[in-house]
Amino acid sequence: MGSPLGVSLPPVDELVSTILSQNTNDINRDRAFESLRRQFPTWEAVRDAAPDSIVAAIRTAGLANQKGPRIQQVLHEISAERGSLDLNFLQNLPLEEARTWLMKFKGVGPKTAAIVLLFSLDVRPFQWTPIFIG
């Protein structure tokens, strides 16, 4: 789920990678992500590609017939709303607003939103207080 430990992906990369990770393992997610990026060098190219070509590129992740159209739809909706695929603006929003914004897309739930916020944008998707037992 999400990027490998210590590796920070740009937010859209993390979003797509995390969608690909749903119901599969990290190896298959990584293979699908690499295949997608090899065939489509930009997220705009993924967004605008023929749906069948996206499905074929991500088949190793499993559920490609669902994930391919879902990824393209999310990319279309982000572009339509924001004018680009840059999600860095989320860093400047309050946590709940950023989480809600991500979760409005089909296929993006609390876990996917938390992964994008934490790993790509260094936004802590939860509050924690250290407890010292002495």
N, C-alpha and C. Protein backbone atom coordinates (compact mmCIF):
# COMPACT_ATOMS: atom_id res chain seq x y z
N MET A 1 0.82 -1.17 0.00
CA MET A 1 0.00 0.00 0.00
C MET A 1 0.87 1.22 0.00
N GLY A 2 0.63 2.08 -0.93
CA GLY A 2 1.42 3.28 -0.98
C GLY A 2 2.84 2.98 -1.40
N SER A 3 3.68 3.99 -1.28
CA SER A 3 5.06 3.85 -1.72
C SER A 3 5.88 3.04 -0.73
N PRO A 4 6.96 2.43 -1.21
CA PRO A 4 7.83 1.68 -0.30
C PRO A 4 8.39 2.59 0.78
N LEU A 5 8.68 2.03 1.94
CA LEU A 5 9.18 2.78 3.07
C LEU A 5 10.37 3.64 2.67
N GLY A 6 10.29 4.93 2.99
CA GLY A 6 11.38 5.83 2.70
C GLY A 6 11.34 6.44 1.31
N VAL A 7 10.43 6.01 0.46
CA VAL A 7 10.32 6.55 -0.89
C VAL A 7 9.10 7.44 -0.94
N SER A 8 9.30 8.68 -1.32
CA SER A 8 8.20 9.63 -1.42
C SER A 8 7.86 9.84 -2.89
N LEU A 9 6.63 9.54 -3.24
CA LEU A 9 6.16 9.76 -4.61
C LEU A 9 5.41 11.07 -4.67
N PRO A 10 5.36 11.71 -5.84
CA PRO A 10 4.49 12.87 -5.99
C PRO A 10 3.04 12.45 -5.71
N PRO A 11 2.20 13.39 -5.29
CA PRO A 11 0.84 13.03 -4.86
C PRO A 11 0.01 12.25 -5.87
N VAL A 12 0.02 12.63 -7.14
CA VAL A 12 -0.79 11.90 -8.12
C VAL A 12 -0.22 10.50 -8.31
N ASP A 13 1.08 10.36 -8.32
CA ASP A 13 1.70 9.04 -8.41
C ASP A 13 1.25 8.17 -7.23
N GLU A 14 1.28 8.74 -6.05
CA GLU A 14 0.87 8.00 -4.85
C GLU A 14 -0.60 7.62 -4.92
N LEU A 15 -1.42 8.52 -5.41
CA LEU A 15 -2.85 8.23 -5.53
C LEU A 15 -3.09 7.06 -6.48
N VAL A 16 -2.47 7.11 -7.64
CA VAL A 16 -2.64 6.02 -8.61
C VAL A 16 -2.05 4.73 -8.07
N SER A 17 -0.88 4.79 -7.49
CA SER A 17 -0.25 3.60 -6.91
C SER A 17 -1.12 2.97 -5.84
N THR A 18 -1.73 3.79 -5.03
CA THR A 18 -2.57 3.27 -3.95
C THR A 18 -3.86 2.68 -4.48
N ILE A 19 -4.43 3.28 -5.51
CA ILE A 19 -5.60 2.67 -6.15
C ILE A 19 -5.22 1.31 -6.72
N LEU A 20 -4.05 1.24 -7.35
CA LEU A 20 -3.59 -0.04 -7.90
C LEU A 20 -3.36 -1.07 -6.80
N SER A 21 -3.01 -0.63 -5.60
CA SER A 21 -2.69 -1.55 -4.51
C SER A 21 -3.92 -2.22 -3.91
N GLN A 22 -5.09 -1.70 -4.20
CA GLN A 22 -6.31 -2.25 -3.61
C GLN A 22 -6.52 -3.69 -4.07
N ASN A 23 -6.68 -4.58 -3.12
CA ASN A 23 -6.93 -6.00 -3.37
C ASN A 23 -5.81 -6.71 -4.14
N THR A 24 -4.58 -6.31 -3.89
CA THR A 24 -3.44 -7.01 -4.49
C THR A 24 -2.24 -6.84 -3.57
N ASN A 25 -1.12 -7.40 -3.97
CA ASN A 25 0.09 -7.26 -3.16
C ASN A 25 1.00 -6.19 -3.76
N ASP A 26 2.04 -5.83 -3.00
CA ASP A 26 2.93 -4.76 -3.42
C ASP A 26 3.66 -5.09 -4.72
N ILE A 27 4.04 -6.34 -4.90
CA ILE A 27 4.76 -6.73 -6.11
C ILE A 27 3.91 -6.50 -7.35
N ASN A 28 2.66 -6.96 -7.31
CA ASN A 28 1.78 -6.77 -8.46
C ASN A 28 1.42 -5.30 -8.66
N ARG A 29 1.24 -4.57 -7.57
CA ARG A 29 1.00 -3.13 -7.67
C ARG A 29 2.16 -2.45 -8.38
N ASP A 30 3.39 -2.76 -7.94
CA ASP A 30 4.57 -2.13 -8.53
C ASP A 30 4.72 -2.48 -10.00
N ARG A 31 4.46 -3.72 -10.34
CA ARG A 31 4.55 -4.13 -11.76
C ARG A 31 3.54 -3.36 -12.60
N ALA A 32 2.33 -3.24 -12.10
CA ALA A 32 1.28 -2.52 -12.84
C ALA A 32 1.63 -1.04 -12.97
N PHE A 33 2.11 -0.45 -11.89
CA PHE A 33 2.48 0.97 -11.90
C PHE A 33 3.61 1.21 -12.91
N GLU A 34 4.63 0.37 -12.87
CA GLU A 34 5.76 0.52 -13.79
C GLU A 34 5.31 0.33 -15.24
N SER A 35 4.44 -0.63 -15.48
CA SER A 35 3.93 -0.85 -16.82
C SER A 35 3.13 0.36 -17.31
N LEU A 36 2.32 0.90 -16.44
CA LEU A 36 1.52 2.07 -16.78
C LEU A 36 2.42 3.25 -17.14
N ARG A 37 3.44 3.51 -16.31
CA ARG A 37 4.33 4.65 -16.54
C ARG A 37 5.23 4.44 -17.76
N ARG A 38 5.57 3.19 -18.03
CA ARG A 38 6.39 2.89 -19.20
C ARG A 38 5.60 3.19 -20.48
N GLN A 39 4.33 2.82 -20.49
CA GLN A 39 3.51 3.00 -21.67
C GLN A 39 2.94 4.41 -21.80
N PHE A 40 2.77 5.09 -20.66
CA PHE A 40 2.17 6.42 -20.65
C PHE A 40 3.04 7.31 -19.75
N PRO A 41 3.92 8.09 -20.34
CA PRO A 41 4.91 8.83 -19.55
C PRO A 41 4.34 9.98 -18.70
N THR A 42 3.12 10.42 -18.98
CA THR A 42 2.51 11.47 -18.17
C THR A 42 1.14 11.03 -17.69
N TRP A 43 0.68 11.65 -16.61
CA TRP A 43 -0.67 11.33 -16.11
C TRP A 43 -1.74 11.86 -17.06
N GLU A 44 -1.42 12.91 -17.80
CA GLU A 44 -2.36 13.39 -18.80
C GLU A 44 -2.54 12.35 -19.91
N ALA A 45 -1.44 11.66 -20.25
CA ALA A 45 -1.53 10.59 -21.26
C ALA A 45 -2.38 9.44 -20.74
N VAL A 46 -2.25 9.11 -19.47
CA VAL A 46 -3.10 8.06 -18.87
C VAL A 46 -4.55 8.51 -18.90
N ARG A 47 -4.79 9.73 -18.48
CA ARG A 47 -6.15 10.28 -18.44
C ARG A 47 -6.83 10.20 -19.80
N ASP A 48 -6.09 10.52 -20.86
CA ASP A 48 -6.66 10.67 -22.19
C ASP A 48 -6.56 9.42 -23.06
N ALA A 49 -5.94 8.37 -22.54
CA ALA A 49 -5.74 7.14 -23.33
C ALA A 49 -7.04 6.37 -23.53
N ALA A 50 -7.02 5.48 -24.49
CA ALA A 50 -8.15 4.56 -24.67
C ALA A 50 -8.25 3.68 -23.42
N PRO A 51 -9.43 3.54 -22.86
CA PRO A 51 -9.58 2.75 -21.63
C PRO A 51 -9.00 1.35 -21.72
N ASP A 52 -9.16 0.69 -22.86
CA ASP A 52 -8.63 -0.67 -23.01
C ASP A 52 -7.11 -0.72 -22.86
N SER A 53 -6.43 0.34 -23.28
CA SER A 53 -4.97 0.35 -23.18
C SER A 53 -4.53 0.52 -21.72
N ILE A 54 -5.30 1.23 -20.93
CA ILE A 54 -4.99 1.36 -19.50
C ILE A 54 -5.23 0.02 -18.80
N VAL A 55 -6.35 -0.60 -19.10
CA VAL A 55 -6.67 -1.91 -18.52
C VAL A 55 -5.56 -2.90 -18.83
N ALA A 56 -5.10 -2.93 -20.07
CA ALA A 56 -4.03 -3.86 -20.45
C ALA A 56 -2.74 -3.55 -19.70
N ALA A 57 -2.44 -2.27 -19.51
CA ALA A 57 -1.19 -1.89 -18.86
C ALA A 57 -1.16 -2.27 -17.39
N ILE A 58 -2.32 -2.28 -16.74
CA ILE A 58 -2.35 -2.53 -15.29
C ILE A 58 -2.87 -3.92 -14.93
N ARG A 59 -3.03 -4.76 -15.89
CA ARG A 59 -3.64 -6.08 -15.65
C ARG A 59 -2.99 -6.84 -14.50
N THR A 60 -1.68 -6.72 -14.32
CA THR A 60 -1.00 -7.48 -13.26
C THR A 60 -1.47 -7.11 -11.85
N ALA A 61 -2.09 -5.95 -11.70
CA ALA A 61 -2.57 -5.53 -10.38
C ALA A 61 -3.88 -6.23 -10.00
N GLY A 62 -4.52 -6.88 -10.97
CA GLY A 62 -5.82 -7.48 -10.71
C GLY A 62 -6.92 -6.43 -10.75
N LEU A 63 -8.12 -6.87 -11.00
CA LEU A 63 -9.29 -5.99 -11.09
C LEU A 63 -9.07 -4.83 -12.06
N ALA A 64 -8.31 -5.08 -13.10
CA ALA A 64 -7.94 -4.02 -14.05
C ALA A 64 -9.15 -3.39 -14.72
N ASN A 65 -10.21 -4.18 -14.95
CA ASN A 65 -11.41 -3.62 -15.58
C ASN A 65 -12.12 -2.61 -14.69
N GLN A 66 -11.88 -2.67 -13.39
CA GLN A 66 -12.43 -1.68 -12.46
C GLN A 66 -11.44 -0.56 -12.21
N LYS A 67 -10.19 -0.93 -11.97
CA LYS A 67 -9.18 0.07 -11.60
C LYS A 67 -8.82 1.01 -12.75
N GLY A 68 -8.75 0.49 -13.96
CA GLY A 68 -8.39 1.34 -15.10
C GLY A 68 -9.36 2.50 -15.29
N PRO A 69 -10.65 2.21 -15.47
CA PRO A 69 -11.61 3.31 -15.61
C PRO A 69 -11.67 4.21 -14.37
N ARG A 70 -11.49 3.63 -13.21
CA ARG A 70 -11.53 4.42 -11.97
C ARG A 70 -10.37 5.42 -11.94
N ILE A 71 -9.17 4.96 -12.29
CA ILE A 71 -8.01 5.85 -12.33
C ILE A 71 -8.24 6.97 -13.35
N GLN A 72 -8.71 6.61 -14.52
CA GLN A 72 -8.95 7.63 -15.55
C GLN A 72 -10.02 8.63 -15.09
N GLN A 73 -11.06 8.15 -14.45
CA GLN A 73 -12.12 9.04 -13.98
C GLN A 73 -11.60 10.01 -12.93
N VAL A 74 -10.80 9.50 -12.00
CA VAL A 74 -10.22 10.37 -10.97
C VAL A 74 -9.34 11.44 -11.63
N LEU A 75 -8.51 11.04 -12.58
CA LEU A 75 -7.65 12.00 -13.27
C LEU A 75 -8.46 13.03 -14.04
N HIS A 76 -9.54 12.61 -14.69
CA HIS A 76 -10.43 13.55 -15.40
C HIS A 76 -11.06 14.54 -14.42
N GLU A 77 -11.54 14.03 -13.31
CA GLU A 77 -12.22 14.90 -12.34
C GLU A 77 -11.26 15.89 -11.69
N ILE A 78 -10.05 15.45 -11.37
CA ILE A 78 -9.06 16.37 -10.80
C ILE A 78 -8.75 17.47 -11.82
N SER A 79 -8.51 17.09 -13.07
CA SER A 79 -8.19 18.06 -14.12
C SER A 79 -9.33 19.05 -14.32
N ALA A 80 -10.55 18.55 -14.34
CA ALA A 80 -11.71 19.42 -14.56
C ALA A 80 -11.86 20.43 -13.42
N GLU A 81 -11.64 19.98 -12.21
CA GLU A 81 -11.82 20.87 -11.06
C GLU A 81 -10.65 21.80 -10.84
N ARG A 82 -9.44 21.30 -11.00
CA ARG A 82 -8.25 22.06 -10.64
C ARG A 82 -7.53 22.69 -11.84
N GLY A 83 -7.83 22.22 -13.05
CA GLY A 83 -7.14 22.74 -14.22
C GLY A 83 -5.80 22.06 -14.48
N SER A 84 -5.40 21.19 -13.57
CA SER A 84 -4.15 20.43 -13.72
C SER A 84 -4.23 19.21 -12.80
N LEU A 85 -3.18 18.42 -12.83
CA LEU A 85 -3.13 17.23 -11.97
C LEU A 85 -2.20 17.44 -10.77
N ASP A 86 -2.00 18.67 -10.39
CA ASP A 86 -1.16 19.01 -9.25
C ASP A 86 -1.99 18.97 -7.97
N LEU A 87 -1.61 18.10 -7.04
CA LEU A 87 -2.34 17.97 -5.78
C LEU A 87 -1.61 18.62 -4.61
N ASN A 88 -0.54 19.33 -4.86
CA ASN A 88 0.21 19.94 -3.77
C ASN A 88 -0.60 20.96 -2.98
N PHE A 89 -1.65 21.50 -3.55
CA PHE A 89 -2.51 22.44 -2.83
C PHE A 89 -3.09 21.83 -1.57
N LEU A 90 -3.19 20.51 -1.53
CA LEU A 90 -3.77 19.84 -0.37
C LEU A 90 -2.98 20.09 0.90
N GLN A 91 -1.69 20.38 0.76
CA GLN A 91 -0.85 20.66 1.93
C GLN A 91 -1.31 21.91 2.68
N ASN A 92 -1.96 22.80 1.97
CA ASN A 92 -2.38 24.07 2.57
C ASN A 92 -3.80 24.05 3.12
N LEU A 93 -4.47 22.91 2.99
CA LEU A 93 -5.83 22.79 3.49
C LEU A 93 -5.82 22.19 4.90
N PRO A 94 -6.83 22.52 5.69
CA PRO A 94 -6.97 21.80 6.96
C PRO A 94 -7.11 20.30 6.68
N LEU A 95 -6.66 19.48 7.60
CA LEU A 95 -6.65 18.03 7.43
C LEU A 95 -7.98 17.49 6.95
N GLU A 96 -9.05 17.80 7.63
CA GLU A 96 -10.36 17.24 7.27
C GLU A 96 -10.80 17.67 5.87
N GLU A 97 -10.49 18.89 5.51
CA GLU A 97 -10.84 19.37 4.17
C GLU A 97 -10.05 18.63 3.10
N ALA A 98 -8.75 18.42 3.34
CA ALA A 98 -7.92 17.68 2.38
C ALA A 98 -8.40 16.24 2.24
N ARG A 99 -8.69 15.62 3.38
CA ARG A 99 -9.17 14.23 3.35
C ARG A 99 -10.52 14.14 2.62
N THR A 100 -11.42 15.04 2.92
CA THR A 100 -12.74 15.05 2.28
C THR A 100 -12.61 15.28 0.78
N TRP A 101 -11.70 16.18 0.39
CA TRP A 101 -11.52 16.45 -1.03
C TRP A 101 -11.07 15.19 -1.76
N LEU A 102 -10.11 14.47 -1.22
CA LEU A 102 -9.65 13.24 -1.86
C LEU A 102 -10.74 12.16 -1.88
N MET A 103 -11.48 12.06 -0.80
CA MET A 103 -12.45 10.97 -0.68
C MET A 103 -13.71 11.18 -1.52
N LYS A 104 -13.85 12.30 -2.15
CA LYS A 104 -15.03 12.50 -3.00
C LYS A 104 -14.92 11.73 -4.31
N PHE A 105 -13.72 11.23 -4.62
CA PHE A 105 -13.53 10.48 -5.85
C PHE A 105 -13.85 9.01 -5.62
N LYS A 106 -14.57 8.42 -6.55
CA LYS A 106 -14.90 7.00 -6.44
C LYS A 106 -13.62 6.17 -6.41
N GLY A 107 -13.53 5.28 -5.43
CA GLY A 107 -12.35 4.44 -5.29
C GLY A 107 -11.32 5.00 -4.32
N VAL A 108 -11.58 6.20 -3.78
CA VAL A 108 -10.67 6.80 -2.80
C VAL A 108 -11.41 6.85 -1.46
N GLY A 109 -11.00 5.96 -0.57
CA GLY A 109 -11.59 5.91 0.76
C GLY A 109 -10.65 6.50 1.78
N PRO A 110 -10.97 6.32 3.05
CA PRO A 110 -10.14 6.89 4.12
C PRO A 110 -8.69 6.42 4.09
N LYS A 111 -8.48 5.15 3.78
CA LYS A 111 -7.11 4.61 3.77
C LYS A 111 -6.29 5.19 2.63
N THR A 112 -6.85 5.23 1.43
CA THR A 112 -6.15 5.80 0.28
C THR A 112 -5.85 7.27 0.52
N ALA A 113 -6.83 8.02 1.02
CA ALA A 113 -6.62 9.44 1.31
C ALA A 113 -5.50 9.62 2.33
N ALA A 114 -5.51 8.81 3.38
CA ALA A 114 -4.48 8.91 4.42
C ALA A 114 -3.09 8.62 3.85
N ILE A 115 -2.98 7.64 2.98
CA ILE A 115 -1.69 7.29 2.39
C ILE A 115 -1.16 8.44 1.53
N VAL A 116 -2.01 9.02 0.71
CA VAL A 116 -1.58 10.14 -0.14
C VAL A 116 -1.15 11.32 0.73
N LEU A 117 -1.95 11.65 1.74
CA LEU A 117 -1.63 12.79 2.60
C LEU A 117 -0.34 12.57 3.36
N LEU A 118 -0.16 11.39 3.92
CA LEU A 118 1.01 11.12 4.75
C LEU A 118 2.28 10.96 3.93
N PHE A 119 2.26 10.08 2.95
CA PHE A 119 3.49 9.73 2.24
C PHE A 119 3.92 10.75 1.20
N SER A 120 2.97 11.43 0.56
CA SER A 120 3.35 12.38 -0.49
C SER A 120 3.39 13.82 -0.03
N LEU A 121 2.54 14.14 0.92
CA LEU A 121 2.40 15.54 1.30
C LEU A 121 2.84 15.82 2.73
N ASP A 122 3.25 14.78 3.44
CA ASP A 122 3.70 14.89 4.83
C ASP A 122 2.65 15.55 5.72
N VAL A 123 1.39 15.29 5.39
CA VAL A 123 0.27 15.74 6.21
C VAL A 123 -0.14 14.57 7.08
N ARG A 124 -0.10 14.74 8.37
CA ARG A 124 -0.46 13.65 9.28
C ARG A 124 -1.96 13.47 9.26
N PRO A 125 -2.44 12.33 8.74
CA PRO A 125 -3.88 12.12 8.60
C PRO A 125 -4.58 11.72 9.89
N PHE A 126 -3.87 11.77 10.98
CA PHE A 126 -4.46 11.43 12.27
C PHE A 126 -3.70 12.18 13.34
N GLN A 127 -4.33 12.38 14.45
CA GLN A 127 -3.70 13.03 15.58
C GLN A 127 -3.20 11.95 16.54
N TRP A 128 -2.05 12.17 17.12
CA TRP A 128 -1.58 11.20 18.10
C TRP A 128 -0.86 11.95 19.21
N THR A 129 -0.96 11.40 20.35
CA THR A 129 -0.31 11.97 21.52
C THR A 129 0.53 10.89 22.16
N PRO A 130 1.83 11.14 22.30
CA PRO A 130 2.66 10.12 22.95
C PRO A 130 2.25 9.96 24.41
N ILE A 131 2.23 8.74 24.84
CA ILE A 131 1.90 8.43 26.24
C ILE A 131 3.14 7.87 26.90
N PHE A 132 3.52 8.47 27.98
CA PHE A 132 4.69 8.00 28.71
C PHE A 132 4.25 7.26 29.96
N ILE A 133 4.69 6.05 30.06
CA ILE A 133 4.35 5.25 31.22
C ILE A 133 5.63 5.16 32.07
N GLY A 134 5.53 5.62 33.28
CA GLY A 134 6.75 5.67 34.06
C GLY A 134 6.68 4.98 35.36
